[in-house]
Every structure is written in C-alpha cells, then in structure tokens.
Amino acid sequence: MKILALETGEAAGRGGASLVALQIEGDDARVAAQSAFENPRQLGGQIIQKIEETLQSAGWNDLQNVDALALGAGPGSWTSLRVAFATFKTLAQSLEKPLIAVPSFDALAGATQRAILNSLPRGRGKKAPILGPHLMLCLSPCRPGELYGKLFHLSDDHFSQVQSERIAPLKDHLDAAFSQALADSIESPLLLVGSAAQEGADFLVERGEEELFRLLEIPPEAVTVEVALSAYFAVESEEIPELGELEPLYLAPSSAERNLGI
C-alpha cells in the first residue's frame, strides 16, 4: 500500500510541516520519499509543488498511484490546518481515494514510543521493555501564555490517553501531569515531547526539578510517518470515515476571530 501523509500541526517541531510517502508491503514499511516545508506559514502556495516533488522522488509519478491519503488533524496553526484539509479533501474526492485524519499528538505519542523502543538494547528474540510505565506530556505552541497539551500513559507495548487535547498555561499542564503520576503511583520521570517541550523543561529546571522529567526530541518527519501508519491500519480494518466527517482539531480561534472578539 502507498500512503501520502501530511502533518502540519507542528506537534514535534516549530515549522515542522512535512510530507511523507510511505510504502507498505506485508510487514515491511519504508519511507519512499519525504519533504519538509521551508515556510509552513505559506503552506497554501507550496503544497501542490511539494506533493508533486514527493511523488516524483518516491517514483510514484502521480497521485493515481497513491492508495490512501493521511493528515495530521492538529491541534496546530489554524491556517495551516485549514489549507491542508481543504487540499487533501479535494484530492481524495476527485481521485476517489480514502482519507484518514489522525490527531497530531497521538501520532507524536506513537513516534515517541517507537523511538524509545528502537533505542533500547534487545535480547535474543525478546522485545526490550521500557523500564516501568511513564506519563508523557505532549506540548506545542498556542496563543501567548498558553500551550496545547495532551497527556498519555506510555508502556512498552501501548500508549493511551489520560487527558485529551486542551489549552492551558504551562504550569497547569505540568501540575496536572504530576498529580496524575501521584494518583497512578508512577515514579518514572515525566516524558516531555513536542515543539514546546523545551519550555516545560526550562520551567522545571528553574524550579530545581531536573530529576522529575526527561526531554525527548522527535523529528517532525517521524510524526508524519506515524500519521501514515495509522492511516494504513484504518484502511486495512476498513475504518474509513466519510469526507464530510473529517474536521481539523481546532482548539483555539483563528487570528481573525480573536481580533473580532469572537
């Protein structure tokens, strides 16, 4: 199966919009091509050219050779998400291809779990475990004084949502994570990931709490690969939504709405 995936939610890195052409044959998945956007704020003027470049680099020639399309649903830049959804919905409808939207923080959580597992030594035929359960806090920029955040429980074989996507001050996100760790008796350091994770790390260092967290850097393209993988499993299980059901995960209003006081 050939999947073209786009992530614009900036979950992993600021300005981290990227395209990935993922080819899956049996148990083998490989990135056939990938492209990053030099200026994601100008996504509307770049997206078609980047799609064509990615398809050519993958050797897929045109979109007729793609089996499914995938999108990171956000949260993220209001404009980038709007452009991405409008473009991919139009392509999916005109080409009669399935389109899957994946919450960007879920893709980031999957990429984080994969990165940790791949970094650990492995025994003979055994999967190396993460040393105990962890809580993982995903953070990305929002409006001044506030961040997007989502809290996950992470173990060696799965991750699950603890708290859904929300907008809150950094301190509120961190306090909620540490309160959850106490409630669940989790003593492992809090994993901080996402494009605003460094802000969380700096805040905790200033409080002298370096031992309470572990900062992880996940490449934006790794998040886009997870978007594509999630789309693959959805298509394989025939869990394909109607195009009309797909909407960006807008948590914050657009700049125009804020200026109008909406």
Protein backbone atom coordinates (compact mmCIF):
# COMPACT_ATOMS: atom_id res chain seq x y z
CA MET A 1 0.00 0.00 0.00
CA LYS A 2 1.20 3.50 -0.88
CA ILE A 3 0.22 6.29 1.51
CA LEU A 4 0.87 10.02 1.16
CA ALA A 5 0.77 11.72 4.58
CA LEU A 6 0.91 15.37 5.58
CA GLU A 7 1.44 16.72 9.10
CA THR A 8 1.02 20.46 9.67
CA GLY A 9 0.12 20.52 13.35
CA GLU A 10 3.66 21.41 14.44
CA ALA A 11 3.41 18.69 17.07
CA ALA A 12 7.10 17.80 17.01
CA GLY A 13 8.87 20.92 15.84
CA ARG A 14 8.11 24.55 15.19
CA GLY A 15 7.60 24.92 11.48
CA GLY A 16 7.56 21.14 11.33
CA ALA A 17 5.16 20.64 8.41
CA SER A 18 6.24 17.66 6.32
CA LEU A 19 5.08 15.22 3.65
CA VAL A 20 5.94 11.52 3.69
CA ALA A 21 5.39 8.89 1.02
CA LEU A 22 5.19 5.59 2.90
CA GLN A 23 5.18 2.25 1.08
CA ILE A 24 4.00 -0.82 2.98
CA GLU A 25 4.41 -4.36 1.70
CA GLY A 26 3.47 -7.07 4.17
CA ASP A 27 5.34 -6.41 7.41
CA ASP A 28 7.80 -4.06 5.72
CA ALA A 29 7.25 -0.30 5.79
CA ARG A 30 9.70 2.11 4.22
CA VAL A 31 9.77 5.83 3.57
CA ALA A 32 9.92 6.16 -0.20
CA ALA A 33 10.33 9.95 -0.04
CA GLN A 34 9.81 12.88 2.29
CA SER A 35 9.71 16.66 2.01
CA ALA A 36 9.84 19.46 4.53
CA PHE A 37 8.23 22.86 4.08
CA GLU A 38 10.67 25.77 4.17
CA ASN A 39 7.94 28.11 5.38
CA PRO A 40 4.83 26.32 6.66
CA ARG A 41 3.06 29.66 7.07
CA GLN A 42 2.95 29.75 3.25
CA LEU A 43 1.59 26.22 3.00
CA GLY A 44 -1.12 27.20 0.51
CA GLY A 45 1.45 28.32 -2.04
CA GLN A 46 3.76 25.32 -1.54
CA ILE A 47 1.56 22.30 -1.00
CA ILE A 48 0.85 21.25 -4.61
CA GLN A 49 4.50 21.67 -5.62
CA LYS A 50 5.66 19.69 -2.59
CA ILE A 51 3.20 16.90 -3.34
CA GLU A 52 4.49 16.65 -6.91
CA GLU A 53 8.12 16.67 -5.74
CA THR A 54 7.46 13.98 -3.14
CA LEU A 55 5.65 11.74 -5.62
CA GLN A 56 8.47 12.08 -8.15
CA SER A 57 11.12 11.33 -5.53
CA ALA A 58 9.18 8.23 -4.46
CA GLY A 59 8.90 7.05 -8.07
CA TRP A 60 5.11 7.08 -7.80
CA ASN A 61 4.79 9.55 -10.70
CA ASP A 62 1.32 10.88 -9.85
CA LEU A 63 -1.47 10.67 -7.31
CA GLN A 64 -3.25 7.89 -9.20
CA ASN A 65 -0.58 5.55 -7.80
CA VAL A 66 -1.39 6.50 -4.20
CA ASP A 67 -3.73 4.12 -2.35
CA ALA A 68 -4.64 6.39 0.57
CA LEU A 69 -4.13 9.91 1.91
CA ALA A 70 -3.47 10.81 5.55
CA LEU A 71 -3.48 14.03 7.55
CA GLY A 72 -2.37 15.14 10.96
CA ALA A 73 -5.57 16.65 12.36
CA GLY A 74 -3.95 19.06 14.82
CA PRO A 75 -4.12 20.95 17.06
CA GLY A 76 -1.88 23.48 15.40
CA SER A 77 -1.88 26.55 13.19
CA TRP A 78 -5.45 27.39 12.25
CA THR A 79 -4.47 28.46 8.72
CA SER A 80 -2.18 25.51 8.01
CA LEU A 81 -4.78 23.00 9.15
CA ARG A 82 -7.49 24.67 7.05
CA VAL A 83 -5.31 24.62 3.93
CA ALA A 84 -4.22 21.02 4.50
CA PHE A 85 -7.75 19.72 4.99
CA ALA A 86 -9.15 21.65 2.03
CA THR A 87 -6.41 20.36 -0.27
CA PHE A 88 -6.46 16.72 0.81
CA LYS A 89 -10.27 16.54 0.90
CA THR A 90 -10.37 17.84 -2.67
CA LEU A 91 -7.76 15.30 -3.78
CA ALA A 92 -9.50 12.43 -2.00
CA GLN A 93 -12.84 13.29 -3.57
CA SER A 94 -11.54 13.82 -7.10
CA LEU A 95 -9.32 10.72 -7.05
CA GLU A 96 -11.79 8.58 -5.05
CA LYS A 97 -9.09 7.72 -2.52
CA PRO A 98 -9.65 7.16 1.22
CA LEU A 99 -8.57 9.98 3.54
CA ILE A 100 -7.72 9.37 7.19
CA ALA A 101 -7.20 12.14 9.77
CA VAL A 102 -5.06 11.34 12.81
CA PRO A 103 -4.79 13.54 15.93
CA SER A 104 -1.29 15.01 15.78
CA PHE A 105 -0.48 14.35 19.44
CA ASP A 106 -1.48 10.69 19.00
CA ALA A 107 0.98 10.45 16.11
CA LEU A 108 3.64 12.13 18.28
CA ALA A 109 2.96 9.63 21.08
CA GLY A 110 3.35 6.74 18.66
CA ALA A 111 6.58 8.17 17.27
CA THR A 112 7.92 8.65 20.81
CA GLN A 113 7.13 5.09 21.82
CA ARG A 114 8.77 3.77 18.65
CA ALA A 115 11.88 5.92 19.19
CA ILE A 116 12.30 4.68 22.78
CA LEU A 117 11.85 1.03 21.85
CA ASN A 118 14.27 1.34 18.93
CA SER A 119 16.89 2.92 21.19
CA LEU A 120 16.91 0.12 23.76
CA PRO A 121 19.14 -2.98 23.56
CA ARG A 122 17.35 -6.18 22.67
CA GLY A 123 17.87 -9.70 23.94
CA ARG A 124 17.57 -12.84 21.92
CA GLY A 125 14.22 -12.60 20.21
CA LYS A 126 12.80 -10.50 23.02
CA LYS A 127 11.38 -7.03 22.89
CA ALA A 128 13.19 -4.76 25.31
CA PRO A 129 10.74 -3.10 27.71
CA ILE A 130 10.62 0.49 28.80
CA LEU A 131 11.75 0.41 32.43
CA GLY A 132 8.38 0.85 34.08
CA PRO A 133 5.32 2.86 32.97
CA HIS A 134 5.68 6.54 32.16
CA LEU A 135 3.46 9.55 31.75
CA MET A 136 4.14 11.52 28.59
CA LEU A 137 3.14 15.16 28.18
CA CYS A 138 2.92 16.45 24.60
CA LEU A 139 3.20 20.24 24.28
CA SER A 140 3.05 22.61 21.32
CA PRO A 141 2.65 26.40 20.91
CA CYS A 142 -0.73 28.08 21.08
CA ARG A 143 -1.56 31.66 21.99
CA PRO A 144 0.61 33.85 24.28
CA GLY A 145 0.83 32.46 27.80
CA GLU A 146 -0.82 29.17 26.89
CA LEU A 147 0.10 25.89 25.20
CA TYR A 148 -1.67 22.98 23.57
CA GLY A 149 -1.17 19.85 25.65
CA LYS A 150 -2.21 16.20 25.85
CA LEU A 151 -1.25 13.63 28.48
CA PHE A 152 -0.62 9.95 27.74
CA HIS A 153 0.21 6.80 29.67
CA LEU A 154 3.12 5.03 27.95
CA SER A 155 4.39 1.49 28.42
CA ASP A 156 6.46 -0.93 26.37
CA ASP A 157 3.54 -2.23 24.32
CA HIS A 158 0.94 0.55 24.17
CA PHE A 159 0.08 4.16 24.84
CA SER A 160 -3.29 5.50 25.96
CA GLN A 161 -4.85 8.89 26.51
CA VAL A 162 -5.01 10.14 30.08
CA GLN A 163 -6.18 13.66 29.33
CA SER A 164 -7.45 14.91 25.97
CA GLU A 165 -6.14 17.87 23.99
CA ARG A 166 -6.59 21.18 25.77
CA ILE A 167 -5.29 24.73 26.01
CA ALA A 168 -3.80 25.81 29.34
CA PRO A 169 -0.83 27.67 30.86
CA LEU A 170 2.35 25.62 31.04
CA LYS A 171 2.20 25.32 34.84
CA ASP A 172 -1.32 23.86 34.66
CA HIS A 173 -0.20 21.20 32.17
CA LEU A 174 2.75 20.22 34.36
CA ASP A 175 0.79 20.24 37.61
CA ALA A 176 -1.87 18.02 36.07
CA ALA A 177 0.80 15.57 34.86
CA PHE A 178 2.49 15.32 38.25
CA SER A 179 -0.86 14.96 40.03
CA GLN A 180 -1.71 12.09 37.69
CA ALA A 181 1.66 10.46 38.38
CA LEU A 182 0.93 10.56 42.10
CA ALA A 183 -2.56 9.15 41.60
CA ASP A 184 -1.19 6.30 39.45
CA SER A 185 1.90 5.69 41.65
CA ILE A 186 4.22 6.32 38.70
CA GLU A 187 7.72 7.20 39.85
CA SER A 188 9.40 7.31 36.42
CA PRO A 189 10.38 10.75 35.12
CA LEU A 190 7.75 12.62 33.13
CA LEU A 191 8.49 12.42 29.41
CA LEU A 192 8.27 15.82 27.71
CA VAL A 193 7.83 15.83 23.93
CA GLY A 194 6.64 18.26 21.29
CA SER A 195 7.62 21.60 19.87
CA ALA A 196 7.04 23.38 23.20
CA ALA A 197 8.58 20.66 25.38
CA GLN A 198 11.73 22.73 25.88
CA GLU A 199 9.62 25.39 27.58
CA GLY A 200 8.42 22.78 30.05
CA ALA A 201 11.97 21.60 30.66
CA ASP A 202 13.24 25.14 31.25
CA PHE A 203 10.41 25.79 33.69
CA LEU A 204 11.21 22.67 35.73
CA VAL A 205 14.95 23.38 35.70
CA GLU A 206 14.27 26.86 37.10
CA ARG A 207 12.34 25.18 39.93
CA GLY A 208 15.27 22.83 40.60
CA GLU A 209 13.29 19.78 39.48
CA GLU A 210 15.64 18.38 36.83
CA GLU A 211 15.16 14.84 38.13
CA LEU A 212 11.41 14.90 37.53
CA PHE A 213 11.44 14.90 33.74
CA ARG A 214 13.15 13.57 30.61
CA LEU A 215 13.16 15.73 27.48
CA LEU A 216 12.91 13.85 24.18
CA GLU A 217 13.32 15.28 20.68
CA ILE A 218 11.25 13.59 17.98
CA PRO A 219 11.86 14.61 14.33
CA PRO A 220 8.78 16.07 12.60
CA GLU A 221 9.04 13.51 9.79
CA ALA A 222 8.80 10.69 12.35
CA VAL A 223 5.42 12.08 13.42
CA THR A 224 4.28 12.18 9.79
CA VAL A 225 5.32 8.54 9.38
CA GLU A 226 3.09 7.66 12.34
CA VAL A 227 0.21 9.52 10.68
CA ALA A 228 0.74 7.34 7.60
CA LEU A 229 0.95 4.13 9.65
CA SER A 230 -2.26 4.96 11.50
CA ALA A 231 -3.96 5.54 8.15
CA TYR A 232 -2.72 2.17 6.91
CA PHE A 233 -4.24 0.32 9.86
CA ALA A 234 -7.51 2.24 9.46
CA VAL A 235 -7.76 1.33 5.77
CA GLU A 236 -6.82 -2.29 6.45
CA SER A 237 -9.56 -2.56 9.08
CA GLU A 238 -11.99 -0.71 6.75
CA GLU A 239 -12.49 2.09 9.30
CA ILE A 240 -12.72 4.80 6.66
CA PRO A 241 -14.73 7.91 7.61
CA GLU A 242 -16.90 9.91 5.26
CA LEU A 243 -15.14 13.02 3.98
CA GLY A 244 -17.82 15.20 5.50
CA GLU A 245 -16.97 13.83 8.94
CA LEU A 246 -13.34 14.95 8.79
CA GLU A 247 -12.59 18.24 10.51
CA PRO A 248 -9.39 19.83 11.83
CA LEU A 249 -8.90 19.74 15.57
CA TYR A 250 -9.35 23.46 16.21
CA LEU A 251 -8.95 24.28 19.89
CA ALA A 252 -8.12 27.97 19.51
CA PRO A 253 -9.92 30.52 17.32
CA SER A 254 -8.25 31.98 14.25
CA SER A 255 -6.42 35.32 14.45
CA ALA A 256 -9.33 36.98 12.61
CA GLU A 257 -11.81 35.62 15.16
CA ARG A 258 -9.63 36.81 18.06
CA ASN A 259 -9.35 40.28 16.51
CA LEU A 260 -13.13 40.42 16.18
CA GLY A 261 -13.57 39.24 19.75
CA ILE A 262 -15.42 36.06 18.70
